[in-house]
Amino acid sequence: TPLDDMTSVLVEFGSGAHGTIATSLRLPYIAITAAHGDKASAWSEEDGARLYTQKAGEEARSELAIEPVDGVVANLSAFAHAIRTGTEPETNGAEGLKVVAAFDAIQRSAAADGAFIDL
């Protein structure tokens, strides 16, 4: 199926917490992952190269020093290590299948005019 230029998804987790997933296939390339709560927020920018936190009531964010990691290389290395050692990878097939199910639910919701889909 063709992909939309922009997508926004509202997710309700089993705990009752809400999350959003937003994507854009157009420029500029911006990759941000964020978690916001009632006491603080944490987010990464520049495709994970920078990590920030900010507590409620603070006027400025704080940058945490992190070592940049190439996620693709790290995942492939972990996969190869699991094969070589016969150990389970950090994210196993069952967990990966949950991600596939979530994306399938997003597609089904879009096809049903935004209807809620339970997983």
C-alpha atoms as a PDB file:
ATOM      1  CA  THR A   1       0.000   0.000   0.000  1.00  0.00           C
ATOM      2  CA  PRO A   2       1.242   3.519  -0.656  1.00  0.00           C
ATOM      3  CA  LEU A   3       2.463   5.468   2.357  1.00  0.00           C
ATOM      4  CA  ASP A   4       0.985   8.785   3.426  1.00  0.00           C
ATOM      5  CA  ASP A   5       3.307  11.783   3.512  1.00  0.00           C
ATOM      6  CA  MET A   6       2.311  12.379   7.138  1.00  0.00           C
ATOM      7  CA  THR A   7       0.852  10.095   9.782  1.00  0.00           C
ATOM      8  CA  SER A   8      -0.322  10.739  13.347  1.00  0.00           C
ATOM      9  CA  VAL A   9      -1.409   7.944  15.650  1.00  0.00           C
ATOM     10  CA  LEU A  10      -2.906   8.098  19.149  1.00  0.00           C
ATOM     11  CA  VAL A  11      -2.075   5.048  21.255  1.00  0.00           C
ATOM     12  CA  GLU A  12      -3.620   4.054  24.581  1.00  0.00           C
ATOM     13  CA  PHE A  13      -1.461   1.641  26.557  1.00  0.00           C
ATOM     14  CA  GLY A  14      -2.771  -1.043  28.887  1.00  0.00           C
ATOM     15  CA  SER A  15      -1.905   1.194  31.859  1.00  0.00           C
ATOM     16  CA  GLY A  16      -4.206   3.900  30.502  1.00  0.00           C
ATOM     17  CA  ALA A  17      -1.320   6.174  29.506  1.00  0.00           C
ATOM     18  CA  HIS A  18      -1.543   7.802  26.086  1.00  0.00           C
ATOM     19  CA  GLY A  19       1.157   8.153  23.467  1.00  0.00           C
ATOM     20  CA  THR A  20       1.466   9.600  20.003  1.00  0.00           C
ATOM     21  CA  ILE A  21       3.428   8.465  16.994  1.00  0.00           C
ATOM     22  CA  ALA A  22       3.954  10.997  14.226  1.00  0.00           C
ATOM     23  CA  THR A  23       5.855  10.493  10.994  1.00  0.00           C
ATOM     24  CA  SER A  24       6.660  12.572   7.942  1.00  0.00           C
ATOM     25  CA  LEU A  25       8.260  11.446   4.713  1.00  0.00           C
ATOM     26  CA  ARG A  26       9.092  15.008   3.694  1.00  0.00           C
ATOM     27  CA  LEU A  27      11.989  17.303   4.513  1.00  0.00           C
ATOM     28  CA  PRO A  28      13.371  18.416   6.828  1.00  0.00           C
ATOM     29  CA  TYR A  29      14.628  15.133   8.274  1.00  0.00           C
ATOM     30  CA  ILE A  30      13.911  15.385  11.994  1.00  0.00           C
ATOM     31  CA  ALA A  31      14.004  12.375  14.310  1.00  0.00           C
ATOM     32  CA  ILE A  32      12.793  12.992  17.853  1.00  0.00           C
ATOM     33  CA  THR A  33      11.777  10.425  20.445  1.00  0.00           C
ATOM     34  CA  ALA A  34      10.140  11.823  23.575  1.00  0.00           C
ATOM     35  CA  ALA A  35       8.471  10.725  26.794  1.00  0.00           C
ATOM     36  CA  HIS A  36       6.466  13.252  28.806  1.00  0.00           C
ATOM     37  CA  GLY A  37       5.046  12.750  32.281  1.00  0.00           C
ATOM     38  CA  ASP A  38       3.584  14.966  34.989  1.00  0.00           C
ATOM     39  CA  LYS A  39       6.967  15.324  36.751  1.00  0.00           C
ATOM     40  CA  ALA A  40       9.453  15.454  33.876  1.00  0.00           C
ATOM     41  CA  SER A  41      10.148  14.955  30.200  1.00  0.00           C
ATOM     42  CA  ALA A  42      12.993  13.240  28.385  1.00  0.00           C
ATOM     43  CA  TRP A  43      13.658  13.387  24.675  1.00  0.00           C
ATOM     44  CA  SER A  44      16.305  12.715  22.097  1.00  0.00           C
ATOM     45  CA  GLU A  45      17.062  14.796  19.045  1.00  0.00           C
ATOM     46  CA  GLU A  46      19.291  14.428  16.007  1.00  0.00           C
ATOM     47  CA  ASP A  47      18.289  10.779  15.597  1.00  0.00           C
ATOM     48  CA  GLY A  48      19.371   9.912  19.137  1.00  0.00           C
ATOM     49  CA  ALA A  49      22.665  11.818  19.138  1.00  0.00           C
ATOM     50  CA  ARG A  50      21.479  14.221  21.865  1.00  0.00           C
ATOM     51  CA  LEU A  51      19.451  13.442  24.998  1.00  0.00           C
ATOM     52  CA  TYR A  52      17.651  16.069  27.074  1.00  0.00           C
ATOM     53  CA  THR A  53      15.611  16.094  30.289  1.00  0.00           C
ATOM     54  CA  GLN A  54      13.525  18.773  31.925  1.00  0.00           C
ATOM     55  CA  LYS A  55      11.694  18.527  35.237  1.00  0.00           C
ATOM     56  CA  ALA A  56       8.354  20.203  35.836  1.00  0.00           C
ATOM     57  CA  GLY A  57       8.945  23.755  37.013  1.00  0.00           C
ATOM     58  CA  GLU A  58      12.407  24.015  35.476  1.00  0.00           C
ATOM     59  CA  GLU A  59      12.809  26.762  32.906  1.00  0.00           C
ATOM     60  CA  ALA A  60      15.578  25.121  30.901  1.00  0.00           C
ATOM     61  CA  ARG A  61      16.358  21.655  29.659  1.00  0.00           C
ATOM     62  CA  SER A  62      19.493  19.753  30.652  1.00  0.00           C
ATOM     63  CA  GLU A  63      21.557  17.804  28.146  1.00  0.00           C
ATOM     64  CA  LEU A  64      22.844  14.414  29.250  1.00  0.00           C
ATOM     65  CA  ALA A  65      26.159  13.224  27.849  1.00  0.00           C
ATOM     66  CA  ILE A  66      25.667  10.088  25.785  1.00  0.00           C
ATOM     67  CA  GLU A  67      27.838   8.079  23.455  1.00  0.00           C
ATOM     68  CA  PRO A  68      26.332   8.130  19.958  1.00  0.00           C
ATOM     69  CA  VAL A  69      25.353   4.687  18.684  1.00  0.00           C
ATOM     70  CA  ASP A  70      24.475   3.546  15.178  1.00  0.00           C
ATOM     71  CA  GLY A  71      21.235   1.687  15.911  1.00  0.00           C
ATOM     72  CA  VAL A  72      21.383  -0.468  12.791  1.00  0.00           C
ATOM     73  CA  VAL A  73      24.939  -1.596  13.529  1.00  0.00           C
ATOM     74  CA  ALA A  74      24.071  -2.243  17.195  1.00  0.00           C
ATOM     75  CA  ASN A  75      21.018  -4.340  16.267  1.00  0.00           C
ATOM     76  CA  LEU A  76      22.900  -6.379  13.663  1.00  0.00           C
ATOM     77  CA  SER A  77      25.785  -6.946  16.095  1.00  0.00           C
ATOM     78  CA  ALA A  78      23.392  -8.118  18.813  1.00  0.00           C
ATOM     79  CA  PHE A  79      21.637 -10.409  16.323  1.00  0.00           C
ATOM     80  CA  ALA A  80      24.951 -11.934  15.198  1.00  0.00           C
ATOM     81  CA  HIS A  81      26.021 -12.368  18.849  1.00  0.00           C
ATOM     82  CA  ALA A  82      22.781 -14.208  19.654  1.00  0.00           C
ATOM     83  CA  ILE A  83      23.336 -16.561  16.714  1.00  0.00           C
ATOM     84  CA  ARG A  84      26.986 -17.200  17.592  1.00  0.00           C
ATOM     85  CA  THR A  85      26.324 -17.831  21.289  1.00  0.00           C
ATOM     86  CA  GLY A  86      22.885 -19.435  21.057  1.00  0.00           C
ATOM     87  CA  THR A  87      21.490 -16.842  23.460  1.00  0.00           C
ATOM     88  CA  GLU A  88      18.226 -14.955  23.182  1.00  0.00           C
ATOM     89  CA  PRO A  89      18.495 -11.455  21.708  1.00  0.00           C
ATOM     90  CA  GLU A  90      17.490  -8.472  23.834  1.00  0.00           C
ATOM     91  CA  THR A  91      14.373  -8.097  21.685  1.00  0.00           C
ATOM     92  CA  ASN A  92      13.101 -11.547  20.770  1.00  0.00           C
ATOM     93  CA  GLY A  93      10.723 -12.576  18.005  1.00  0.00           C
ATOM     94  CA  ALA A  94       7.645 -12.399  20.246  1.00  0.00           C
ATOM     95  CA  GLU A  95       8.407  -8.777  21.152  1.00  0.00           C
ATOM     96  CA  GLY A  96       9.113  -7.911  17.526  1.00  0.00           C
ATOM     97  CA  LEU A  97       5.785  -9.441  16.522  1.00  0.00           C
ATOM     98  CA  LYS A  98       4.028  -7.021  18.906  1.00  0.00           C
ATOM     99  CA  VAL A  99       5.464  -4.128  16.883  1.00  0.00           C
ATOM    100  CA  VAL A 100       4.230  -5.714  13.643  1.00  0.00           C
ATOM    101  CA  ALA A 101       0.770  -6.146  15.218  1.00  0.00           C
ATOM    102  CA  ALA A 102       0.741  -2.483  16.257  1.00  0.00           C
ATOM    103  CA  PHE A 103       1.589  -1.307  12.730  1.00  0.00           C
ATOM    104  CA  ASP A 104      -1.048  -3.650  11.315  1.00  0.00           C
ATOM    105  CA  ALA A 105      -3.599  -2.126  13.715  1.00  0.00           C
ATOM    106  CA  ILE A 106      -2.577   1.360  12.556  1.00  0.00           C
ATOM    107  CA  GLN A 107      -3.201   0.388   8.932  1.00  0.00           C
ATOM    108  CA  ARG A 108      -6.564  -1.201   9.802  1.00  0.00           C
ATOM    109  CA  SER A 109      -7.565   1.906  11.762  1.00  0.00           C
ATOM    110  CA  ALA A 110      -6.680   4.160   8.837  1.00  0.00           C
ATOM    111  CA  ALA A 111      -8.703   1.960   6.481  1.00  0.00           C
ATOM    112  CA  ALA A 112     -11.665   2.189   8.893  1.00  0.00           C
ATOM    113  CA  ASP A 113     -11.727   6.012   9.044  1.00  0.00           C
ATOM    114  CA  GLY A 114      -9.709   6.165  12.260  1.00  0.00           C
ATOM    115  CA  ALA A 115     -11.671   3.562  14.204  1.00  0.00           C
ATOM    116  CA  PHE A 116     -10.075   2.361  17.441  1.00  0.00           C
ATOM    117  CA  ILE A 117      -8.416  -1.054  17.142  1.00  0.00           C
ATOM    118  CA  ASP A 118      -7.840  -3.159  20.258  1.00  0.00           C
ATOM    119  CA  LEU A 119      -4.737  -5.325  20.522  1.00  0.00           C
END
